[in-house]
């Protein structure tokens, strides 16, 4: 039985820069961090051989994000567009989208443009973290939509 979403894993190219962005910029808390190397258990669980990586599990209010920087096997740069198959984006629900937009820009997030307001129901904007991963900021304004989000 599935009981809920635990985490979303994000591959990054600069672990320290990503960790700073996700902890200081987004305010997530590190609950586990490790360097993986020469681990048969990790190789078997991940399905790769000779894994060398740094990882951190970060706690958000209602889920976790997991950062990974692999050095072995060598990662490939396959950034996707929101319309591509596979990981498209993560969406973070915010209370004051304009303030978060400005604050996260100061932390190195690059947005596709200005915040878009969908009438009095919701506002959203897509951007990229320092590693190029797509993050949506999403503010729910309407009670009707807020009920759907629960």
N, C-alpha and C. Protein backbone atom coordinates (compact mmCIF):
# COMPACT_ATOMS: atom_id res chain seq x y z
N UNK A 1 0.84 -1.18 0.00
CA UNK A 1 0.00 0.00 0.00
C UNK A 1 0.89 1.25 0.00
N UNK A 2 0.63 2.13 -0.90
CA UNK A 2 1.33 3.41 -0.94
C UNK A 2 0.72 4.30 0.14
N UNK A 3 1.59 4.91 0.95
CA UNK A 3 1.07 5.77 2.02
C UNK A 3 1.31 7.25 1.74
N UNK A 4 2.09 7.57 0.70
CA UNK A 4 2.30 8.97 0.36
C UNK A 4 3.63 9.17 -0.34
N UNK A 5 3.88 10.38 -0.75
CA UNK A 5 5.15 10.75 -1.39
C UNK A 5 6.19 11.00 -0.31
N UNK A 6 7.35 10.36 -0.42
CA UNK A 6 8.40 10.59 0.55
C UNK A 6 9.37 11.67 0.08
N UNK A 7 9.97 11.50 -1.11
CA UNK A 7 10.92 12.51 -1.57
C UNK A 7 11.02 12.54 -3.08
N UNK A 8 11.60 13.63 -3.56
CA UNK A 8 11.97 13.80 -4.96
C UNK A 8 13.48 13.96 -4.97
N UNK A 9 14.17 13.18 -5.79
CA UNK A 9 15.63 13.26 -5.89
C UNK A 9 16.02 14.19 -7.03
N UNK A 10 17.03 15.00 -6.78
CA UNK A 10 17.48 16.00 -7.75
C UNK A 10 18.98 15.84 -7.95
N UNK A 11 19.40 15.65 -9.20
CA UNK A 11 20.82 15.58 -9.53
C UNK A 11 21.38 16.98 -9.71
N UNK A 12 22.51 17.26 -9.07
CA UNK A 12 23.12 18.59 -9.13
C UNK A 12 24.57 18.48 -9.58
N UNK A 13 25.11 19.55 -10.14
CA UNK A 13 26.50 19.52 -10.59
C UNK A 13 27.47 20.13 -9.57
N UNK A 14 26.98 20.96 -8.66
CA UNK A 14 27.81 21.57 -7.62
C UNK A 14 27.09 21.36 -6.30
N UNK A 15 27.48 20.32 -5.56
CA UNK A 15 26.77 19.91 -4.36
C UNK A 15 26.70 21.02 -3.32
N UNK A 16 27.84 21.66 -3.05
CA UNK A 16 27.86 22.69 -2.01
C UNK A 16 26.97 23.87 -2.36
N UNK A 17 27.02 24.30 -3.61
CA UNK A 17 26.18 25.41 -4.06
C UNK A 17 24.70 25.02 -3.98
N UNK A 18 24.37 23.81 -4.39
CA UNK A 18 22.98 23.34 -4.32
C UNK A 18 22.51 23.24 -2.88
N UNK A 19 23.35 22.70 -2.01
CA UNK A 19 22.97 22.57 -0.60
C UNK A 19 22.70 23.94 0.02
N UNK A 20 23.53 24.90 -0.30
CA UNK A 20 23.31 26.26 0.19
C UNK A 20 21.99 26.82 -0.34
N UNK A 21 21.72 26.64 -1.63
CA UNK A 21 20.47 27.14 -2.21
C UNK A 21 19.25 26.51 -1.54
N UNK A 22 19.25 25.20 -1.40
CA UNK A 22 18.08 24.51 -0.85
C UNK A 22 17.91 24.71 0.65
N UNK A 23 19.00 24.93 1.39
CA UNK A 23 18.86 25.16 2.83
C UNK A 23 18.67 26.64 3.14
N UNK A 24 19.55 27.48 2.65
CA UNK A 24 19.44 28.91 2.96
C UNK A 24 18.38 29.60 2.11
N UNK A 25 18.32 29.24 0.83
CA UNK A 25 17.34 29.87 -0.06
C UNK A 25 15.93 29.38 0.16
N UNK A 26 15.75 28.05 0.17
CA UNK A 26 14.41 27.48 0.31
C UNK A 26 14.06 27.14 1.76
N UNK A 27 15.05 27.16 2.65
CA UNK A 27 14.77 26.93 4.06
C UNK A 27 14.55 25.48 4.45
N UNK A 28 15.05 24.53 3.64
CA UNK A 28 14.90 23.12 3.98
C UNK A 28 15.97 22.71 4.99
N UNK A 29 15.68 21.67 5.75
CA UNK A 29 16.57 21.21 6.82
C UNK A 29 17.26 19.92 6.42
N UNK A 30 18.58 19.86 6.60
CA UNK A 30 19.33 18.63 6.33
C UNK A 30 19.03 17.63 7.44
N UNK A 31 18.51 16.46 7.07
CA UNK A 31 18.25 15.41 8.06
C UNK A 31 19.19 14.21 7.86
N UNK A 32 19.87 14.16 6.73
CA UNK A 32 20.85 13.10 6.47
C UNK A 32 21.79 13.61 5.39
N UNK A 33 23.07 13.34 5.54
CA UNK A 33 24.05 13.66 4.51
C UNK A 33 25.12 12.57 4.54
N UNK A 34 25.61 12.22 3.35
CA UNK A 34 26.57 11.13 3.29
C UNK A 34 27.37 11.22 2.01
N UNK A 35 28.53 10.58 2.03
CA UNK A 35 29.31 10.34 0.83
C UNK A 35 29.24 8.85 0.57
N UNK A 36 28.83 8.47 -0.62
CA UNK A 36 28.66 7.07 -0.99
C UNK A 36 29.84 6.66 -1.86
N UNK A 37 30.55 5.61 -1.45
CA UNK A 37 31.69 5.11 -2.23
C UNK A 37 32.00 3.69 -1.76
N UNK A 38 32.30 2.82 -2.71
CA UNK A 38 32.62 1.43 -2.38
C UNK A 38 31.54 0.77 -1.52
N UNK A 39 30.28 0.97 -1.92
CA UNK A 39 29.16 0.41 -1.17
C UNK A 39 28.37 -0.55 -2.06
N UNK A 40 28.54 -1.83 -1.80
CA UNK A 40 27.78 -2.83 -2.55
C UNK A 40 26.29 -2.63 -2.36
N UNK A 41 25.87 -2.27 -1.15
CA UNK A 41 24.45 -2.06 -0.88
C UNK A 41 23.89 -0.92 -1.73
N UNK A 42 24.62 0.20 -1.79
CA UNK A 42 24.17 1.33 -2.61
C UNK A 42 24.14 0.95 -4.08
N UNK A 43 25.20 0.27 -4.55
CA UNK A 43 25.24 -0.16 -5.95
C UNK A 43 24.02 -1.01 -6.29
N UNK A 44 23.70 -1.95 -5.40
CA UNK A 44 22.56 -2.85 -5.66
C UNK A 44 21.24 -2.10 -5.60
N UNK A 45 21.08 -1.20 -4.65
CA UNK A 45 19.80 -0.48 -4.52
C UNK A 45 19.58 0.48 -5.69
N UNK A 46 20.65 1.14 -6.13
CA UNK A 46 20.55 2.12 -7.21
C UNK A 46 20.54 1.46 -8.58
N UNK A 47 21.21 0.31 -8.68
CA UNK A 47 21.27 -0.39 -9.96
C UNK A 47 22.42 0.05 -10.83
N UNK A 48 23.45 0.62 -10.22
CA UNK A 48 24.67 1.04 -10.92
C UNK A 48 25.86 0.41 -10.20
N UNK A 49 26.98 0.29 -10.91
CA UNK A 49 28.18 -0.28 -10.30
C UNK A 49 29.22 0.81 -10.07
N UNK A 50 29.90 0.71 -8.92
CA UNK A 50 30.98 1.66 -8.63
C UNK A 50 30.50 3.06 -8.32
N UNK A 51 29.35 3.18 -7.67
CA UNK A 51 28.78 4.50 -7.38
C UNK A 51 29.70 5.28 -6.44
N UNK A 52 29.95 6.52 -6.83
CA UNK A 52 30.62 7.50 -5.97
C UNK A 52 29.76 8.76 -6.05
N UNK A 53 29.28 9.20 -4.88
CA UNK A 53 28.37 10.34 -4.88
C UNK A 53 28.30 10.98 -3.51
N UNK A 54 27.85 12.21 -3.50
CA UNK A 54 27.47 12.89 -2.27
C UNK A 54 25.96 13.02 -2.30
N UNK A 55 25.34 12.90 -1.13
CA UNK A 55 23.89 13.04 -1.07
C UNK A 55 23.48 13.74 0.21
N UNK A 56 22.30 14.34 0.17
CA UNK A 56 21.71 14.94 1.36
C UNK A 56 20.19 14.81 1.25
N UNK A 57 19.57 14.40 2.35
CA UNK A 57 18.10 14.35 2.43
C UNK A 57 17.67 15.62 3.17
N UNK A 58 16.79 16.36 2.53
CA UNK A 58 16.35 17.64 3.07
C UNK A 58 14.86 17.59 3.39
N UNK A 59 14.50 18.09 4.55
CA UNK A 59 13.11 18.06 4.99
C UNK A 59 12.42 19.38 4.68
N UNK A 60 11.31 19.27 3.97
CA UNK A 60 10.39 20.39 3.75
C UNK A 60 9.21 20.17 4.70
N UNK A 61 8.30 21.11 4.80
CA UNK A 61 7.19 20.92 5.75
C UNK A 61 6.37 19.65 5.53
N UNK A 62 6.19 19.20 4.28
CA UNK A 62 5.31 18.05 4.06
C UNK A 62 5.91 16.97 3.17
N UNK A 63 7.21 17.04 2.88
CA UNK A 63 7.87 16.03 2.05
C UNK A 63 9.38 16.25 2.18
N UNK A 64 10.15 15.46 1.45
CA UNK A 64 11.60 15.57 1.45
C UNK A 64 12.11 15.77 0.03
N UNK A 65 13.25 16.45 -0.09
CA UNK A 65 14.01 16.53 -1.34
C UNK A 65 15.35 15.87 -1.07
N UNK A 66 15.86 15.16 -2.06
CA UNK A 66 17.14 14.49 -1.91
C UNK A 66 18.07 15.01 -3.00
N UNK A 67 19.20 15.56 -2.59
CA UNK A 67 20.20 16.06 -3.53
C UNK A 67 21.26 14.99 -3.75
N UNK A 68 21.67 14.81 -5.01
CA UNK A 68 22.72 13.86 -5.37
C UNK A 68 23.70 14.53 -6.31
N UNK A 69 24.98 14.35 -6.04
CA UNK A 69 26.02 14.71 -7.01
C UNK A 69 26.88 13.49 -7.22
N UNK A 70 26.72 12.86 -8.38
CA UNK A 70 27.51 11.67 -8.73
C UNK A 70 28.83 12.10 -9.36
N UNK A 71 29.88 11.37 -9.01
CA UNK A 71 31.14 11.50 -9.75
C UNK A 71 31.39 10.22 -10.54
N UNK A 72 30.82 9.09 -10.08
CA UNK A 72 30.87 7.81 -10.80
C UNK A 72 29.52 7.14 -10.67
N UNK A 73 28.93 6.64 -11.71
CA UNK A 73 29.30 6.89 -13.10
C UNK A 73 29.14 8.37 -13.44
N UNK A 74 29.92 8.83 -14.39
CA UNK A 74 29.90 10.24 -14.76
C UNK A 74 28.50 10.66 -15.21
N UNK A 75 27.98 11.74 -14.63
CA UNK A 75 26.65 12.19 -15.02
C UNK A 75 26.65 12.81 -16.43
N UNK A 76 25.46 12.82 -17.03
CA UNK A 76 25.25 13.47 -18.32
C UNK A 76 24.33 14.66 -18.11
N UNK A 77 24.51 15.69 -18.89
CA UNK A 77 23.68 16.88 -18.78
C UNK A 77 22.44 16.69 -19.66
N UNK A 78 21.34 16.31 -19.06
CA UNK A 78 20.10 16.06 -19.79
C UNK A 78 18.97 16.90 -19.21
N UNK A 79 19.16 18.18 -19.14
CA UNK A 79 18.12 19.04 -18.60
C UNK A 79 16.91 18.98 -19.50
N UNK A 80 15.77 18.86 -18.89
CA UNK A 80 14.54 18.71 -19.66
C UNK A 80 13.75 20.01 -19.68
N UNK A 81 12.92 20.11 -20.69
CA UNK A 81 11.95 21.19 -20.74
C UNK A 81 10.72 20.72 -19.98
N UNK A 82 9.86 21.63 -19.53
CA UNK A 82 8.67 21.20 -18.82
C UNK A 82 7.79 20.25 -19.64
N UNK A 83 7.90 20.29 -20.96
CA UNK A 83 7.05 19.44 -21.81
C UNK A 83 7.69 18.09 -22.13
N UNK A 84 8.95 17.86 -21.71
CA UNK A 84 9.64 16.61 -22.02
C UNK A 84 9.19 15.49 -21.10
N UNK A 85 9.46 14.24 -21.50
CA UNK A 85 9.18 13.08 -20.66
C UNK A 85 10.15 13.05 -19.49
N UNK A 86 9.77 12.39 -18.42
CA UNK A 86 10.64 12.27 -17.27
C UNK A 86 10.39 13.39 -16.28
N UNK A 87 11.38 13.65 -15.41
CA UNK A 87 11.26 14.70 -14.41
C UNK A 87 11.01 16.03 -15.11
N UNK A 88 9.89 16.62 -14.84
CA UNK A 88 9.57 17.91 -15.47
C UNK A 88 9.87 19.07 -14.54
N UNK A 89 9.38 19.00 -13.32
CA UNK A 89 9.65 20.04 -12.33
C UNK A 89 9.12 19.62 -10.97
N UNK A 90 9.56 20.35 -9.94
CA UNK A 90 8.90 20.25 -8.65
C UNK A 90 8.19 21.58 -8.42
N UNK A 91 7.07 21.53 -7.76
CA UNK A 91 6.32 22.74 -7.47
C UNK A 91 6.33 22.97 -5.96
N UNK A 92 6.68 24.18 -5.58
CA UNK A 92 6.69 24.56 -4.18
C UNK A 92 5.55 25.53 -3.93
N UNK A 93 4.65 25.19 -3.02
CA UNK A 93 3.54 26.08 -2.69
C UNK A 93 4.06 27.17 -1.76
N UNK A 94 3.73 28.42 -2.07
CA UNK A 94 4.19 29.56 -1.29
C UNK A 94 3.00 30.42 -0.88
N UNK A 95 3.22 31.27 0.11
CA UNK A 95 2.16 32.17 0.57
C UNK A 95 2.21 33.54 -0.09
N UNK A 96 3.41 34.05 -0.34
CA UNK A 96 3.58 35.38 -0.94
C UNK A 96 4.54 35.21 -2.11
N UNK A 97 3.98 34.92 -3.28
CA UNK A 97 4.82 34.53 -4.42
C UNK A 97 5.76 35.65 -4.86
N UNK A 98 5.34 36.88 -4.81
CA UNK A 98 6.20 37.98 -5.25
C UNK A 98 7.42 38.10 -4.34
N UNK A 99 7.21 38.00 -3.04
CA UNK A 99 8.34 38.07 -2.10
C UNK A 99 9.29 36.89 -2.30
N UNK A 100 8.74 35.68 -2.49
CA UNK A 100 9.59 34.51 -2.70
C UNK A 100 10.34 34.61 -4.02
N UNK A 101 9.68 35.12 -5.03
CA UNK A 101 10.31 35.33 -6.34
C UNK A 101 11.55 36.22 -6.19
N UNK A 102 11.39 37.34 -5.51
CA UNK A 102 12.50 38.28 -5.33
C UNK A 102 13.58 37.70 -4.43
N UNK A 103 13.18 37.03 -3.35
CA UNK A 103 14.14 36.45 -2.42
C UNK A 103 14.96 35.35 -3.09
N UNK A 104 14.30 34.50 -3.86
CA UNK A 104 15.02 33.39 -4.51
C UNK A 104 15.88 33.87 -5.67
N UNK A 105 15.50 34.95 -6.32
CA UNK A 105 16.39 35.54 -7.33
C UNK A 105 17.72 35.92 -6.68
N UNK A 106 17.65 36.48 -5.47
CA UNK A 106 18.86 36.87 -4.75
C UNK A 106 19.71 35.66 -4.37
N UNK A 107 19.10 34.48 -4.32
CA UNK A 107 19.82 33.24 -4.02
C UNK A 107 20.24 32.51 -5.28
N UNK A 108 20.14 33.16 -6.44
CA UNK A 108 20.65 32.57 -7.68
C UNK A 108 19.64 31.84 -8.54
N UNK A 109 18.36 31.86 -8.17
CA UNK A 109 17.35 31.20 -9.00
C UNK A 109 17.05 32.09 -10.20
N UNK A 110 17.04 31.48 -11.38
CA UNK A 110 16.73 32.22 -12.61
C UNK A 110 15.34 31.84 -13.07
N UNK A 111 14.48 32.83 -13.24
CA UNK A 111 13.09 32.61 -13.61
C UNK A 111 12.87 32.85 -15.10
N UNK A 112 11.79 32.26 -15.64
CA UNK A 112 11.49 32.40 -17.07
C UNK A 112 10.89 33.77 -17.39
N UNK A 113 10.48 34.50 -16.40
CA UNK A 113 9.88 35.81 -16.58
C UNK A 113 9.33 36.30 -15.26
N UNK A 114 8.32 37.14 -15.35
CA UNK A 114 7.67 37.68 -14.15
C UNK A 114 6.59 36.71 -13.67
N UNK A 115 6.18 36.86 -12.42
CA UNK A 115 5.10 36.05 -11.84
C UNK A 115 3.84 36.22 -12.68
N UNK A 116 3.14 35.10 -12.95
CA UNK A 116 1.91 35.10 -13.72
C UNK A 116 0.74 34.89 -12.76
N UNK A 117 -0.26 35.77 -12.85
CA UNK A 117 -1.44 35.70 -11.98
C UNK A 117 -2.61 35.15 -12.79
N UNK A 118 -3.21 34.07 -12.29
CA UNK A 118 -4.36 33.45 -12.92
C UNK A 118 -5.62 33.95 -12.22
N UNK A 119 -5.95 35.21 -12.51
CA UNK A 119 -7.10 35.82 -11.86
C UNK A 119 -6.90 35.85 -10.35
N UNK A 120 -7.99 35.61 -9.63
CA UNK A 120 -7.91 35.61 -8.17
C UNK A 120 -7.77 34.20 -7.60
N UNK A 121 -7.44 33.23 -8.47
CA UNK A 121 -7.34 31.85 -8.01
C UNK A 121 -5.93 31.41 -7.65
N UNK A 122 -4.95 31.74 -8.50
CA UNK A 122 -3.60 31.25 -8.27
C UNK A 122 -2.59 32.11 -9.02
N UNK A 123 -1.33 32.00 -8.61
CA UNK A 123 -0.21 32.64 -9.30
C UNK A 123 0.91 31.61 -9.40
N UNK A 124 1.71 31.71 -10.48
CA UNK A 124 2.78 30.74 -10.67
C UNK A 124 3.90 31.33 -11.51
N UNK A 125 5.08 30.74 -11.36
CA UNK A 125 6.22 31.07 -12.21
C UNK A 125 7.22 29.92 -12.14
N UNK A 126 7.82 29.59 -13.27
CA UNK A 126 8.85 28.56 -13.32
C UNK A 126 10.22 29.22 -13.29
N UNK A 127 11.17 28.51 -12.70
CA UNK A 127 12.54 28.96 -12.67
C UNK A 127 13.46 27.76 -12.58
N UNK A 128 14.76 28.05 -12.46
CA UNK A 128 15.75 26.98 -12.36
C UNK A 128 16.65 27.24 -11.16
N UNK A 129 16.98 26.14 -10.45
CA UNK A 129 17.93 26.24 -9.35
C UNK A 129 19.33 26.41 -9.94
N UNK A 130 20.36 26.59 -9.09
CA UNK A 130 21.71 26.81 -9.64
C UNK A 130 22.25 25.67 -10.50
N UNK A 131 21.65 24.46 -10.42
CA UNK A 131 22.07 23.34 -11.27
C UNK A 131 21.21 23.20 -12.52
N UNK A 132 20.23 24.08 -12.69
CA UNK A 132 19.39 24.05 -13.88
C UNK A 132 18.11 23.24 -13.72
N UNK A 133 17.84 22.68 -12.53
CA UNK A 133 16.62 21.92 -12.30
C UNK A 133 15.42 22.87 -12.22
N UNK A 134 14.30 22.46 -12.79
CA UNK A 134 13.13 23.31 -12.88
C UNK A 134 12.30 23.25 -11.61
N UNK A 135 12.01 24.44 -11.07
CA UNK A 135 11.18 24.58 -9.88
C UNK A 135 10.06 25.56 -10.19
N UNK A 136 8.85 25.20 -9.85
CA UNK A 136 7.71 26.11 -9.98
C UNK A 136 7.37 26.66 -8.61
N UNK A 137 7.16 27.97 -8.54
CA UNK A 137 6.57 28.58 -7.35
C UNK A 137 5.09 28.70 -7.63
N UNK A 138 4.25 28.29 -6.68
CA UNK A 138 2.81 28.23 -6.90
C UNK A 138 2.10 28.77 -5.67
N UNK A 139 1.30 29.80 -5.86
CA UNK A 139 0.52 30.37 -4.76
C UNK A 139 -0.96 30.14 -5.02
N UNK A 140 -1.62 29.53 -4.07
CA UNK A 140 -3.06 29.30 -4.15
C UNK A 140 -3.77 30.43 -3.44
N UNK A 141 -4.66 31.10 -4.15
CA UNK A 141 -5.40 32.23 -3.57
C UNK A 141 -6.85 31.89 -3.32
N UNK A 142 -7.42 31.02 -4.13
CA UNK A 142 -8.84 30.69 -4.05
C UNK A 142 -9.06 29.53 -3.09
N UNK A 143 -10.07 29.63 -2.24
CA UNK A 143 -10.42 28.54 -1.34
C UNK A 143 -10.79 27.30 -2.10
N UNK A 144 -11.43 27.44 -3.28
CA UNK A 144 -11.82 26.27 -4.09
C UNK A 144 -10.59 25.46 -4.49
N UNK A 145 -9.54 26.13 -4.93
CA UNK A 145 -8.31 25.44 -5.32
C UNK A 145 -7.59 24.92 -4.08
N UNK A 146 -7.62 25.68 -2.99
CA UNK A 146 -6.95 25.25 -1.75
C UNK A 146 -7.54 23.92 -1.27
N UNK A 147 -8.84 23.74 -1.42
CA UNK A 147 -9.46 22.49 -0.99
C UNK A 147 -8.95 21.31 -1.83
N UNK A 148 -8.69 21.54 -3.12
CA UNK A 148 -8.17 20.48 -3.99
C UNK A 148 -6.75 20.09 -3.61
N UNK A 149 -6.00 21.03 -3.05
CA UNK A 149 -4.61 20.77 -2.71
C UNK A 149 -4.45 19.94 -1.44
N UNK A 150 -5.52 19.74 -0.71
CA UNK A 150 -5.42 18.99 0.56
C UNK A 150 -5.65 17.53 0.35
